[in-house]
PDB file of N, CA and C in Angstrom:
ATOM      1  N   UNK A   1      62.381  97.411 113.211  1.00  0.00           N
ATOM      2  CA  UNK A   1      62.818  97.852 111.895  1.00  0.00           C
ATOM      3  C   UNK A   1      63.413  96.645 111.162  1.00  0.00           C
ATOM      4  N   UNK A   2      62.934  96.396 109.941  1.00  0.00           N
ATOM      5  CA  UNK A   2      63.430  95.252 109.185  1.00  0.00           C
ATOM      6  C   UNK A   2      64.902  95.449 108.838  1.00  0.00           C
ATOM      7  N   UNK A   3      65.565  94.348 108.532  1.00  0.00           N
ATOM      8  CA  UNK A   3      67.004  94.378 108.290  1.00  0.00           C
ATOM      9  C   UNK A   3      67.393  95.338 107.176  1.00  0.00           C
ATOM     10  N   UNK A   4      66.727  95.263 106.019  1.00  0.00           N
ATOM     11  CA  UNK A   4      67.124  96.122 104.900  1.00  0.00           C
ATOM     12  C   UNK A   4      66.843  97.588 105.190  1.00  0.00           C
ATOM     13  N   UNK A   5      65.774  97.893 105.898  1.00  0.00           N
ATOM     14  CA  UNK A   5      65.483  99.280 106.258  1.00  0.00           C
ATOM     15  C   UNK A   5      66.516  99.766 107.281  1.00  0.00           C
ATOM     16  N   UNK A   6      66.878  98.897 108.201  1.00  0.00           N
ATOM     17  CA  UNK A   6      67.906  99.245 109.188  1.00  0.00           C
ATOM     18  C   UNK A   6      69.254  99.514 108.542  1.00  0.00           C
ATOM     19  N   UNK A   7      69.602  98.721 107.545  1.00  0.00           N
ATOM     20  CA  UNK A   7      70.867  98.940 106.838  1.00  0.00           C
ATOM     21  C   UNK A   7      70.858 100.277 106.115  1.00  0.00           C
ATOM     22  N   UNK A   8      69.748 100.590 105.454  1.00  0.00           N
ATOM     23  CA  UNK A   8      69.661 101.875 104.763  1.00  0.00           C
ATOM     24  C   UNK A   8      69.772 103.025 105.759  1.00  0.00           C
ATOM     25  N   UNK A   9      69.095 102.896 106.889  1.00  0.00           N
ATOM     26  CA  UNK A   9      69.178 103.935 107.922  1.00  0.00           C
ATOM     27  C   UNK A   9      70.620 104.104 108.395  1.00  0.00           C
ATOM     28  N   UNK A  10      71.319 103.010 108.588  1.00  0.00           N
ATOM     29  CA  UNK A  10      72.726 103.073 108.989  1.00  0.00           C
ATOM     30  C   UNK A  10      73.559 103.790 107.942  1.00  0.00           C
ATOM     31  N   UNK A  11      73.340 103.477 106.663  1.00  0.00           N
ATOM     32  CA  UNK A  11      74.114 104.114 105.593  1.00  0.00           C
ATOM     33  C   UNK A  11      73.810 105.610 105.487  1.00  0.00           C
ATOM     34  N   UNK A  12      72.553 105.996 105.694  1.00  0.00           N
ATOM     35  CA  UNK A  12      72.198 107.419 105.670  1.00  0.00           C
ATOM     36  C   UNK A  12      72.876 108.133 106.833  1.00  0.00           C
ATOM     37  N   UNK A  13      72.811 107.556 108.005  1.00  0.00           N
ATOM     38  CA  UNK A  13      73.457 108.140 109.192  1.00  0.00           C
ATOM     39  C   UNK A  13      74.961 108.280 108.966  1.00  0.00           C
ATOM     40  N   UNK A  14      75.583 107.219 108.468  1.00  0.00           N
ATOM     41  CA  UNK A  14      77.019 107.229 108.184  1.00  0.00           C
ATOM     42  C   UNK A  14      77.370 108.331 107.189  1.00  0.00           C
ATOM     43  N   UNK A  15      76.559 108.464 106.130  1.00  0.00           N
ATOM     44  CA  UNK A  15      76.793 109.496 105.132  1.00  0.00           C
ATOM     45  C   UNK A  15      76.722 110.887 105.766  1.00  0.00           C
ATOM     46  N   UNK A  16      75.696 111.114 106.557  1.00  0.00           N
ATOM     47  CA  UNK A  16      75.541 112.425 107.199  1.00  0.00           C
ATOM     48  C   UNK A  16      76.749 112.763 108.061  1.00  0.00           C
ATOM     49  N   UNK A  17      77.245 111.794 108.806  1.00  0.00           N
ATOM     50  CA  UNK A  17      78.430 112.051 109.638  1.00  0.00           C
ATOM     51  C   UNK A  17      79.668 112.322 108.792  1.00  0.00           C
ATOM     52  N   UNK A  18      79.852 111.536 107.736  1.00  0.00           N
ATOM     53  CA  UNK A  18      81.046 111.700 106.902  1.00  0.00           C
ATOM     54  C   UNK A  18      81.073 113.033 106.153  1.00  0.00           C
ATOM     55  N   UNK A  19      79.896 113.624 105.899  1.00  0.00           N
ATOM     56  CA  UNK A  19      79.878 114.932 105.220  1.00  0.00           C
ATOM     57  C   UNK A  19      79.826 116.089 106.221  1.00  0.00           C
ATOM     58  N   UNK A  20      79.889 115.758 107.505  1.00  0.00           N
ATOM     59  CA  UNK A  20      79.959 116.803 108.523  1.00  0.00           C
ATOM     60  C   UNK A  20      78.624 117.321 109.021  1.00  0.00           C
ATOM     61  N   UNK A  21      77.553 116.589 108.775  1.00  0.00           N
ATOM     62  CA  UNK A  21      76.226 117.027 109.215  1.00  0.00           C
ATOM     63  C   UNK A  21      75.841 116.301 110.512  1.00  0.00           C
ATOM     64  N   UNK A  22      76.611 116.574 111.572  1.00  0.00           N
ATOM     65  CA  UNK A  22      76.420 115.869 112.841  1.00  0.00           C
ATOM     66  C   UNK A  22      75.024 116.106 113.435  1.00  0.00           C
ATOM     67  N   UNK A  23      74.550 117.340 113.424  1.00  0.00           N
ATOM     68  CA  UNK A  23      73.218 117.624 113.987  1.00  0.00           C
ATOM     69  C   UNK A  23      72.131 116.898 113.194  1.00  0.00           C
ATOM     70  N   UNK A  24      72.252 116.924 111.893  1.00  0.00           N
ATOM     71  CA  UNK A  24      71.272 116.222 111.059  1.00  0.00           C
ATOM     72  C   UNK A  24      71.317 114.718 111.331  1.00  0.00           C
ATOM     73  N   UNK A  25      72.514 114.174 111.501  1.00  0.00           N
ATOM     74  CA  UNK A  25      72.664 112.745 111.783  1.00  0.00           C
ATOM     75  C   UNK A  25      71.984 112.382 113.098  1.00  0.00           C
ATOM     76  N   UNK A  26      72.197 113.184 114.131  1.00  0.00           N
ATOM     77  CA  UNK A  26      71.574 112.917 115.428  1.00  0.00           C
ATOM     78  C   UNK A  26      70.055 113.063 115.350  1.00  0.00           C
ATOM     79  N   UNK A  27      69.596 114.081 114.646  1.00  0.00           N
ATOM     80  CA  UNK A  27      68.158 114.270 114.471  1.00  0.00           C
ATOM     81  C   UNK A  27      67.551 113.086 113.728  1.00  0.00           C
ATOM     82  N   UNK A  28      68.234 112.630 112.698  1.00  0.00           N
ATOM     83  CA  UNK A  28      67.781 111.476 111.931  1.00  0.00           C
ATOM     84  C   UNK A  28      67.614 110.264 112.840  1.00  0.00           C
ATOM     85  N   UNK A  29      68.628 109.983 113.669  1.00  0.00           N
ATOM     86  CA  UNK A  29      68.546 108.826 114.570  1.00  0.00           C
ATOM     87  C   UNK A  29      67.382 108.948 115.544  1.00  0.00           C
ATOM     88  N   UNK A  30      67.189 110.123 116.090  1.00  0.00           N
ATOM     89  CA  UNK A  30      66.094 110.282 117.050  1.00  0.00           C
ATOM     90  C   UNK A  30      64.731 110.177 116.364  1.00  0.00           C
ATOM     91  N   UNK A  31      64.605 110.693 115.148  1.00  0.00           N
ATOM     92  CA  UNK A  31      63.327 110.622 114.441  1.00  0.00           C
ATOM     93  C   UNK A  31      62.939 109.195 114.063  1.00  0.00           C
ATOM     94  N   UNK A  32      63.925 108.356 113.781  1.00  0.00           N
ATOM     95  CA  UNK A  32      63.601 106.960 113.435  1.00  0.00           C
ATOM     96  C   UNK A  32      63.656 106.054 114.665  1.00  0.00           C
ATOM     97  N   UNK A  33      63.936 106.647 115.812  1.00  0.00           N
ATOM     98  CA  UNK A  33      63.979 105.924 117.097  1.00  0.00           C
ATOM     99  C   UNK A  33      64.999 104.785 117.072  1.00  0.00           C
ATOM    100  N   UNK A  34      66.202 105.093 116.624  1.00  0.00           N
ATOM    101  CA  UNK A  34      67.286 104.116 116.549  1.00  0.00           C
ATOM    102  C   UNK A  34      67.830 103.885 117.950  1.00  0.00           C
ATOM    103  N   UNK A  35      67.950 102.621 118.352  1.00  0.00           N
ATOM    104  CA  UNK A  35      68.398 102.307 119.702  1.00  0.00           C
ATOM    105  C   UNK A  35      69.625 101.409 119.740  1.00  0.00           C
ATOM    106  N   UNK A  36      70.116 100.978 118.614  1.00  0.00           N
ATOM    107  CA  UNK A  36      71.263 100.071 118.571  1.00  0.00           C
ATOM    108  C   UNK A  36      72.566 100.850 118.524  1.00  0.00           C
ATOM    109  N   UNK A  37      73.662 100.194 118.915  1.00  0.00           N
ATOM    110  CA  UNK A  37      74.991 100.783 118.754  1.00  0.00           C
ATOM    111  C   UNK A  37      75.346 100.787 117.274  1.00  0.00           C
ATOM    112  N   UNK A  38      76.106 101.794 116.879  1.00  0.00           N
ATOM    113  CA  UNK A  38      76.468 101.948 115.465  1.00  0.00           C
ATOM    114  C   UNK A  38      77.988 101.948 115.325  1.00  0.00           C
ATOM    115  N   UNK A  39      78.462 101.148 114.383  1.00  0.00           N
ATOM    116  CA  UNK A  39      79.877 101.139 114.025  1.00  0.00           C
ATOM    117  C   UNK A  39      79.980 101.699 112.618  1.00  0.00           C
ATOM    118  N   UNK A  40      80.692 102.806 112.478  1.00  0.00           N
ATOM    119  CA  UNK A  40      80.824 103.450 111.170  1.00  0.00           C
ATOM    120  C   UNK A  40      81.884 102.776 110.319  1.00  0.00           C
ATOM    121  N   UNK A  41      81.649 102.799 109.017  1.00  0.00           N
ATOM    122  CA  UNK A  41      82.652 102.338 108.077  1.00  0.00           C
ATOM    123  C   UNK A  41      83.632 103.460 107.784  1.00  0.00           C
ATOM    124  N   UNK A  42      84.624 103.145 106.997  1.00  0.00           N
ATOM    125  CA  UNK A  42      85.635 104.128 106.622  1.00  0.00           C
ATOM    126  C   UNK A  42      85.034 105.168 105.676  1.00  0.00           C
ATOM    127  N   UNK A  43      85.506 106.429 105.770  1.00  0.00           N
ATOM    128  CA  UNK A  43      85.052 107.454 104.816  1.00  0.00           C
ATOM    129  C   UNK A  43      85.437 107.046 103.391  1.00  0.00           C
ATOM    130  N   UNK A  44      84.666 107.340 102.404  1.00  0.00           N
ATOM    131  CA  UNK A  44      83.488 108.182 102.434  1.00  0.00           C
ATOM    132  C   UNK A  44      82.217 107.442 102.804  1.00  0.00           C
ATOM    133  N   UNK A  45      82.283 106.155 103.088  1.00  0.00           N
ATOM    134  CA  UNK A  45      81.109 105.381 103.473  1.00  0.00           C
ATOM    135  C   UNK A  45      80.457 104.683 102.297  1.00  0.00           C
ATOM    136  N   UNK A  46      79.649 103.685 102.618  1.00  0.00           N
ATOM    137  CA  UNK A  46      79.026 102.851 101.600  1.00  0.00           C
ATOM    138  C   UNK A  46      78.078 103.637 100.697  1.00  0.00           C
ATOM    139  N   UNK A  47      77.194 104.430 101.287  1.00  0.00           N
ATOM    140  CA  UNK A  47      76.184 105.138 100.486  1.00  0.00           C
ATOM    141  C   UNK A  47      76.833 106.077  99.472  1.00  0.00           C
ATOM    142  N   UNK A  48      77.823 106.825  99.909  1.00  0.00           N
ATOM    143  CA  UNK A  48      78.524 107.734  98.999  1.00  0.00           C
ATOM    144  C   UNK A  48      79.236 106.952  97.891  1.00  0.00           C
ATOM    145  N   UNK A  49      79.924 105.883  98.249  1.00  0.00           N
ATOM    146  CA  UNK A  49      80.639 105.074  97.248  1.00  0.00           C
ATOM    147  C   UNK A  49      79.665 104.454  96.252  1.00  0.00           C
ATOM    148  N   UNK A  50      78.566 103.920  96.768  1.00  0.00           N
ATOM    149  CA  UNK A  50      77.562 103.325  95.893  1.00  0.00           C
ATOM    150  C   UNK A  50      76.981 104.365  94.949  1.00  0.00           C
ATOM    151  N   UNK A  51      76.669 105.530  95.487  1.00  0.00           N
ATOM    152  CA  UNK A  51      76.097 106.590  94.660  1.00  0.00           C
ATOM    153  C   UNK A  51      77.062 106.992  93.548  1.00  0.00           C
ATOM    154  N   UNK A  52      78.339 107.115  93.846  1.00  0.00           N
ATOM    155  CA  UNK A  52      79.322 107.517  92.834  1.00  0.00           C
ATOM    156  C   UNK A  52      79.388 106.503  91.690  1.00  0.00           C
ATOM    157  N   UNK A  53      79.382 105.227  92.026  1.00  0.00           N
ATOM    158  CA  UNK A  53      79.408 104.189  90.986  1.00  0.00           C
ATOM    159  C   UNK A  53      78.108 104.224  90.185  1.00  0.00           C
ATOM    160  N   UNK A  54      76.971 104.304  90.895  1.00  0.00           N
ATOM    161  CA  UNK A  54      75.685 104.365  90.200  1.00  0.00           C
ATOM    162  C   UNK A  54      75.640 105.552  89.247  1.00  0.00           C
ATOM    163  N   UNK A  55      76.031 106.742  89.740  1.00  0.00           N
ATOM    164  CA  UNK A  55      75.933 107.944  88.918  1.00  0.00           C
ATOM    165  C   UNK A  55      76.847 107.864  87.693  1.00  0.00           C
ATOM    166  N   UNK A  56      78.025 107.310  87.876  1.00  0.00           N
ATOM    167  CA  UNK A  56      78.956 107.153  86.765  1.00  0.00           C
ATOM    168  C   UNK A  56      78.348 106.245  85.696  1.00  0.00           C
ATOM    169  N   UNK A  57      77.779 105.118  86.115  1.00  0.00           N
ATOM    170  CA  UNK A  57      77.157 104.203  85.161  1.00  0.00           C
ATOM    171  C   UNK A  57      75.909 104.814  84.526  1.00  0.00           C
ATOM    172  N   UNK A  58      75.134 105.523  85.308  1.00  0.00           N
ATOM    173  CA  UNK A  58      73.932 106.189  84.790  1.00  0.00           C
ATOM    174  C   UNK A  58      74.312 107.194  83.700  1.00  0.00           C
ATOM    175  N   UNK A  59      75.323 107.993  83.969  1.00  0.00           N
ATOM    176  CA  UNK A  59      75.747 109.015  83.004  1.00  0.00           C
ATOM    177  C   UNK A  59      76.370 108.421  81.754  1.00  0.00           C
ATOM    178  N   UNK A  60      76.941 107.236  81.870  1.00  0.00           N
ATOM    179  CA  UNK A  60      77.618 106.617  80.730  1.00  0.00           C
ATOM    180  C   UNK A  60      76.670 105.853  79.815  1.00  0.00           C
ATOM    181  N   UNK A  61      75.399 105.760  80.180  1.00  0.00           N
ATOM    182  CA  UNK A  61      74.435 105.073  79.312  1.00  0.00           C
ATOM    183  C   UNK A  61      74.406 105.768  77.956  1.00  0.00           C
ATOM    184  N   UNK A  62      74.247 105.008  76.881  1.00  0.00           N
ATOM    185  CA  UNK A  62      74.309 105.592  75.538  1.00  0.00           C
ATOM    186  C   UNK A  62      73.410 106.809  75.338  1.00  0.00           C
ATOM    187  N   UNK A  63      72.240 106.807  75.937  1.00  0.00           N
ATOM    188  CA  UNK A  63      71.326 107.933  75.734  1.00  0.00           C
ATOM    189  C   UNK A  63      71.715 109.186  76.526  1.00  0.00           C
ATOM    190  N   UNK A  64      72.689 109.086  77.440  1.00  0.00           N
ATOM    191  CA  UNK A  64      73.090 110.247  78.240  1.00  0.00           C
ATOM    192  C   UNK A  64      74.555 110.634  78.087  1.00  0.00           C
ATOM    193  N   UNK A  65      75.344 109.826  77.468  1.00  0.00           N
ATOM    194  CA  UNK A  65      76.792 110.047  77.522  1.00  0.00           C
ATOM    195  C   UNK A  65      77.268 111.326  76.837  1.00  0.00           C
ATOM    196  N   UNK A  66      76.469 111.891  75.960  1.00  0.00           N
ATOM    197  CA  UNK A  66      76.871 113.145  75.304  1.00  0.00           C
ATOM    198  C   UNK A  66      76.609 114.363  76.188  1.00  0.00           C
ATOM    199  N   UNK A  67      75.728 114.243  77.165  1.00  0.00           N
ATOM    200  CA  UNK A  67      75.352 115.397  77.984  1.00  0.00           C
ATOM    201  C   UNK A  67      75.750 115.255  79.450  1.00  0.00           C
ATOM    202  N   UNK A  68      76.364 114.155  79.804  1.00  0.00           N
ATOM    203  CA  UNK A  68      76.664 113.881  81.212  1.00  0.00           C
ATOM    204  C   UNK A  68      78.093 113.357  81.327  1.00  0.00           C
ATOM    205  N   UNK A  69      78.870 113.924  82.226  1.00  0.00           N
ATOM    206  CA  UNK A  69      80.265 113.499  82.395  1.00  0.00           C
ATOM    207  C   UNK A  69      80.317 112.110  83.019  1.00  0.00           C
ATOM    208  N   UNK A  70      81.206 111.256  82.493  1.00  0.00           N
ATOM    209  CA  UNK A  70      81.332 109.880  82.981  1.00  0.00           C
ATOM    210  C   UNK A  70      82.754 109.382  82.737  1.00  0.00           C
ATOM    211  N   UNK A  71      83.089 108.271  83.376  1.00  0.00           N
ATOM    212  CA  UNK A  71      84.430 107.697  83.208  1.00  0.00           C
ATOM    213  C   UNK A  71      84.478 106.808  81.962  1.00  0.00           C
ATOM    214  N   UNK A  72      85.681 106.584  81.502  1.00  0.00           N
ATOM    215  CA  UNK A  72      85.846 105.686  80.354  1.00  0.00           C
ATOM    216  C   UNK A  72      85.504 104.251  80.762  1.00  0.00           C
ATOM    217  N   UNK A  73      85.714 103.911  82.034  1.00  0.00           N
ATOM    218  CA  UNK A  73      85.380 102.564  82.509  1.00  0.00           C
ATOM    219  C   UNK A  73      83.871 102.322  82.482  1.00  0.00           C
ATOM    220  N   UNK A  74      83.096 103.324  82.886  1.00  0.00           N
ATOM    221  CA  UNK A  74      81.641 103.177  82.875  1.00  0.00           C
ATOM    222  C   UNK A  74      81.131 103.061  81.440  1.00  0.00           C
ATOM    223  N   UNK A  75      81.704 103.842  80.531  1.00  0.00           N
ATOM    224  CA  UNK A  75      81.325 103.744  79.120  1.00  0.00           C
ATOM    225  C   UNK A  75      81.666 102.351  78.588  1.00  0.00           C
ATOM    226  N   UNK A  76      82.848 101.862  78.941  1.00  0.00           N
ATOM    227  CA  UNK A  76      83.265 100.527  78.497  1.00  0.00           C
ATOM    228  C   UNK A  76      82.323  99.453  79.030  1.00  0.00           C
ATOM    229  N   UNK A  77      81.853  99.624  80.259  1.00  0.00           N
ATOM    230  CA  UNK A  77      80.902  98.674  80.837  1.00  0.00           C
ATOM    231  C   UNK A  77      79.639  98.597  79.980  1.00  0.00           C
ATOM    232  N   UNK A  78      79.048  99.741  79.668  1.00  0.00           N
ATOM    233  CA  UNK A  78      77.833  99.756  78.838  1.00  0.00           C
ATOM    234  C   UNK A  78      78.109  99.185  77.454  1.00  0.00           C
ATOM    235  N   UNK A  79      79.209  99.590  76.859  1.00  0.00           N
ATOM    236  CA  UNK A  79      79.539  99.094  75.521  1.00  0.00           C
ATOM    237  C   UNK A  79      79.720  97.585  75.514  1.00  0.00           C
ATOM    238  N   UNK A  80      80.349  97.073  76.569  1.00  0.00           N
ATOM    239  CA  UNK A  80      80.564  95.633  76.679  1.00  0.00           C
ATOM    240  C   UNK A  80      79.231  94.905  76.857  1.00  0.00           C
ATOM    241  N   UNK A  81      78.346  95.450  77.685  1.00  0.00           N
ATOM    242  CA  UNK A  81      77.034  94.831  77.879  1.00  0.00           C
ATOM    243  C   UNK A  81      76.235  94.821  76.573  1.00  0.00           C
ATOM    244  N   UNK A  82      76.272  95.909  75.844  1.00  0.00           N
ATOM    245  CA  UNK A  82      75.565  95.990  74.557  1.00  0.00           C
ATOM    246  C   UNK A  82      76.141  94.957  73.593  1.00  0.00           C
ATOM    247  N   UNK A  83      77.474  94.849  73.571  1.00  0.00           N
ATOM    248  CA  UNK A  83      78.138  93.864  72.719  1.00  0.00           C
ATOM    249  C   UNK A  83      77.692  92.448  73.074  1.00  0.00           C
ATOM    250  N   UNK A  84      77.680  92.127  74.377  1.00  0.00           N
ATOM    251  CA  UNK A  84      77.286  90.783  74.804  1.00  0.00           C
ATOM    252  C   UNK A  84      75.855  90.455  74.400  1.00  0.00           C
ATOM    253  N   UNK A  85      74.963  91.406  74.607  1.00  0.00           N
ATOM    254  CA  UNK A  85      73.561  91.171  74.265  1.00  0.00           C
ATOM    255  C   UNK A  85      73.395  90.998  72.762  1.00  0.00           C
ATOM    256  N   UNK A  86      74.168  91.742  71.985  1.00  0.00           N
ATOM    257  CA  UNK A  86      74.057  91.625  70.519  1.00  0.00           C
ATOM    258  C   UNK A  86      74.558  90.275  70.022  1.00  0.00           C
ATOM    259  N   UNK A  87      75.639  89.767  70.599  1.00  0.00           N
ATOM    260  CA  UNK A  87      76.161  88.483  70.110  1.00  0.00           C
ATOM    261  C   UNK A  87      75.358  87.309  70.635  1.00  0.00           C
ATOM    262  N   UNK A  88      74.781  87.480  71.826  1.00  0.00           N
ATOM    263  CA  UNK A  88      73.971  86.407  72.399  1.00  0.00           C
ATOM    264  C   UNK A  88      73.110  86.974  73.514  1.00  0.00           C
ATOM    265  N   UNK A  89      71.810  87.048  73.324  1.00  0.00           N
ATOM    266  CA  UNK A  89      70.939  87.599  74.354  1.00  0.00           C
ATOM    267  C   UNK A  89      71.054  86.879  75.696  1.00  0.00           C
ATOM    268  N   UNK A  90      71.465  85.624  75.677  1.00  0.00           N
ATOM    269  CA  UNK A  90      71.608  84.890  76.935  1.00  0.00           C
ATOM    270  C   UNK A  90      73.011  85.036  77.525  1.00  0.00           C
ATOM    271  N   UNK A  91      73.844  85.887  76.922  1.00  0.00           N
ATOM    272  CA  UNK A  91      75.236  86.017  77.372  1.00  0.00           C
ATOM    273  C   UNK A  91      75.360  86.576  78.782  1.00  0.00           C
ATOM    274  N   UNK A  92      74.358  87.296  79.254  1.00  0.00           N
ATOM    275  CA  UNK A  92      74.458  87.909  80.576  1.00  0.00           C
ATOM    276  C   UNK A  92      74.090  86.967  81.712  1.00  0.00           C
ATOM    277  N   UNK A  93      73.571  85.800  81.391  1.00  0.00           N
ATOM    278  CA  UNK A  93      73.255  84.830  82.442  1.00  0.00           C
ATOM    279  C   UNK A  93      74.562  84.355  83.056  1.00  0.00           C
ATOM    280  N   UNK A  94      74.706  84.548  84.347  1.00  0.00           N
ATOM    281  CA  UNK A  94      75.922  84.159  85.039  1.00  0.00           C
ATOM    282  C   UNK A  94      77.087  85.100  84.808  1.00  0.00           C
ATOM    283  N   UNK A  95      76.833  86.296  84.269  1.00  0.00           N
ATOM    284  CA  UNK A  95      77.912  87.255  84.005  1.00  0.00           C
ATOM    285  C   UNK A  95      78.647  87.601  85.283  1.00  0.00           C
ATOM    286  N   UNK A  96      79.958  87.644  85.214  1.00  0.00           N
ATOM    287  CA  UNK A  96      80.782  88.017  86.366  1.00  0.00           C
ATOM    288  C   UNK A  96      81.619  89.236  85.998  1.00  0.00           C
ATOM    289  N   UNK A  97      81.805  90.125  86.973  1.00  0.00           N
ATOM    290  CA  UNK A  97      82.617  91.316  86.771  1.00  0.00           C
ATOM    291  C   UNK A  97      84.081  90.946  87.003  1.00  0.00           C
ATOM    292  N   UNK A  98      84.680  90.260  86.061  1.00  0.00           N
ATOM    293  CA  UNK A  98      86.013  89.742  86.317  1.00  0.00           C
ATOM    294  C   UNK A  98      87.087  90.317  85.393  1.00  0.00           C
ATOM    295  N   UNK A  99      86.809  91.401  84.698  1.00  0.00           N
ATOM    296  CA  UNK A  99      87.852  91.950  83.857  1.00  0.00           C
ATOM    297  C   UNK A  99      88.450  93.194  84.488  1.00  0.00           C
ATOM    298  N   UNK A 100      89.306  93.886  83.810  1.00  0.00           N
ATOM    299  CA  UNK A 100      90.255  94.840  84.344  1.00  0.00           C
ATOM    300  C   UNK A 100      89.700  96.108  84.990  1.00  0.00           C
ATOM    301  N   UNK A 101      88.511  96.500  84.718  1.00  0.00           N
ATOM    302  CA  UNK A 101      88.025  97.821  85.087  1.00  0.00           C
ATOM    303  C   UNK A 101      87.983  98.052  86.602  1.00  0.00           C
ATOM    304  N   UNK A 102      88.686  99.079  87.098  1.00  0.00           N
ATOM    305  CA  UNK A 102      88.630  99.373  88.530  1.00  0.00           C
ATOM    306  C   UNK A 102      87.233  99.807  88.974  1.00  0.00           C
ATOM    307  N   UNK A 103      86.490 100.475  88.118  1.00  0.00           N
ATOM    308  CA  UNK A 103      85.125 100.869  88.479  1.00  0.00           C
ATOM    309  C   UNK A 103      84.275  99.627  88.673  1.00  0.00           C
ATOM    310  N   UNK A 104      84.405  98.666  87.791  1.00  0.00           N
ATOM    311  CA  UNK A 104      83.600  97.453  87.902  1.00  0.00           C
ATOM    312  C   UNK A 104      84.010  96.623  89.110  1.00  0.00           C
ATOM    313  N   UNK A 105      85.310  96.560  89.393  1.00  0.00           N
ATOM    314  CA  UNK A 105      85.752  95.839  90.591  1.00  0.00           C
ATOM    315  C   UNK A 105      85.212  96.508  91.840  1.00  0.00           C
ATOM    316  N   UNK A 106      85.213  97.847  91.874  1.00  0.00           N
ATOM    317  CA  UNK A 106      84.675  98.572  93.023  1.00  0.00           C
ATOM    318  C   UNK A 106      83.167  98.352  93.123  1.00  0.00           C
ATOM    319  N   UNK A 107      82.476  98.366  91.979  1.00  0.00           N
ATOM    320  CA  UNK A 107      81.042  98.145  91.985  1.00  0.00           C
ATOM    321  C   UNK A 107      80.724  96.736  92.493  1.00  0.00           C
ATOM    322  N   UNK A 108      81.481  95.761  92.030  1.00  0.00           N
ATOM    323  CA  UNK A 108      81.244  94.395  92.481  1.00  0.00           C
ATOM    324  C   UNK A 108      81.488  94.273  93.978  1.00  0.00           C
ATOM    325  N   UNK A 109      82.551  94.881  94.479  1.00  0.00           N
ATOM    326  CA  UNK A 109      82.862  94.824  95.912  1.00  0.00           C
ATOM    327  C   UNK A 109      81.735  95.440  96.730  1.00  0.00           C
ATOM    328  N   UNK A 110      81.232  96.599  96.293  1.00  0.00           N
ATOM    329  CA  UNK A 110      80.142  97.244  97.019  1.00  0.00           C
ATOM    330  C   UNK A 110      78.855  96.434  96.917  1.00  0.00           C
ATOM    331  N   UNK A 111      78.596  95.854  95.752  1.00  0.00           N
ATOM    332  CA  UNK A 111      77.402  95.039  95.584  1.00  0.00           C
ATOM    333  C   UNK A 111      77.452  93.823  96.503  1.00  0.00           C
ATOM    334  N   UNK A 112      78.615  93.157  96.571  1.00  0.00           N
ATOM    335  CA  UNK A 112      78.762  92.001  97.461  1.00  0.00           C
ATOM    336  C   UNK A 112      78.554  92.409  98.912  1.00  0.00           C
ATOM    337  N   UNK A 113      79.142  93.541  99.310  1.00  0.00           N
ATOM    338  CA  UNK A 113      78.990  94.019 100.680  1.00  0.00           C
ATOM    339  C   UNK A 113      77.532  94.344 100.972  1.00  0.00           C
ATOM    340  N   UNK A 114      76.858  94.991 100.030  1.00  0.00           N
ATOM    341  CA  UNK A 114      75.452  95.335 100.202  1.00  0.00           C
ATOM    342  C   UNK A 114      74.615  94.070 100.366  1.00  0.00           C
ATOM    343  N   UNK A 115      74.863  93.060  99.510  1.00  0.00           N
ATOM    344  CA  UNK A 115      74.102  91.812  99.621  1.00  0.00           C
ATOM    345  C   UNK A 115      74.371  91.121 100.949  1.00  0.00           C
ATOM    346  N   UNK A 116      75.639  91.100 101.396  1.00  0.00           N
ATOM    347  CA  UNK A 116      75.965  90.492 102.685  1.00  0.00           C
ATOM    348  C   UNK A 116      75.284  91.229 103.827  1.00  0.00           C
ATOM    349  N   UNK A 117      75.323  92.557 103.779  1.00  0.00           N
ATOM    350  CA  UNK A 117      74.677  93.344 104.830  1.00  0.00           C
ATOM    351  C   UNK A 117      73.174  93.138 104.824  1.00  0.00           C
ATOM    352  N   UNK A 118      72.594  93.086 103.642  1.00  0.00           N
ATOM    353  CA  UNK A 118      71.151  92.984 103.521  1.00  0.00           C
ATOM    354  C   UNK A 118      70.643  91.597 103.914  1.00  0.00           C
ATOM    355  N   UNK A 119      71.353  90.568 103.456  1.00  0.00           N
ATOM    356  CA  UNK A 119      70.884  89.212 103.682  1.00  0.00           C
ATOM    357  C   UNK A 119      71.445  88.579 104.957  1.00  0.00           C
ATOM    358  N   UNK A 120      72.418  89.246 105.548  1.00  0.00           N
ATOM    359  CA  UNK A 120      72.965  88.759 106.819  1.00  0.00           C
ATOM    360  C   UNK A 120      74.063  87.778 106.686  1.00  0.00           C
TER     361      UNK A 120
END
């Protein structure tokens, strides 16, 4: 199993355990023929945390924000990106998530962890 597929399998297994689906988690491992030892992360786990950030940002997109609940931080992220692109289309080159938003700091932390896990 390639590294990135193995990481995804680990995150799915971790998610299943954290939501209390122990039988499903065991079935999942046996179906993919997982043979390595597994160390779980802290609840709620990477997949759940990543999904929450993704969904918040997805809902805050200008075309969905009137019909989908989202945080003010996610809305600010989109508004800031739109502002940057309007003032300079090249403004996003080298963009860093270094301002106050806790959602963005959490997203950056998860993104860094995902890249480290994926690339080794």
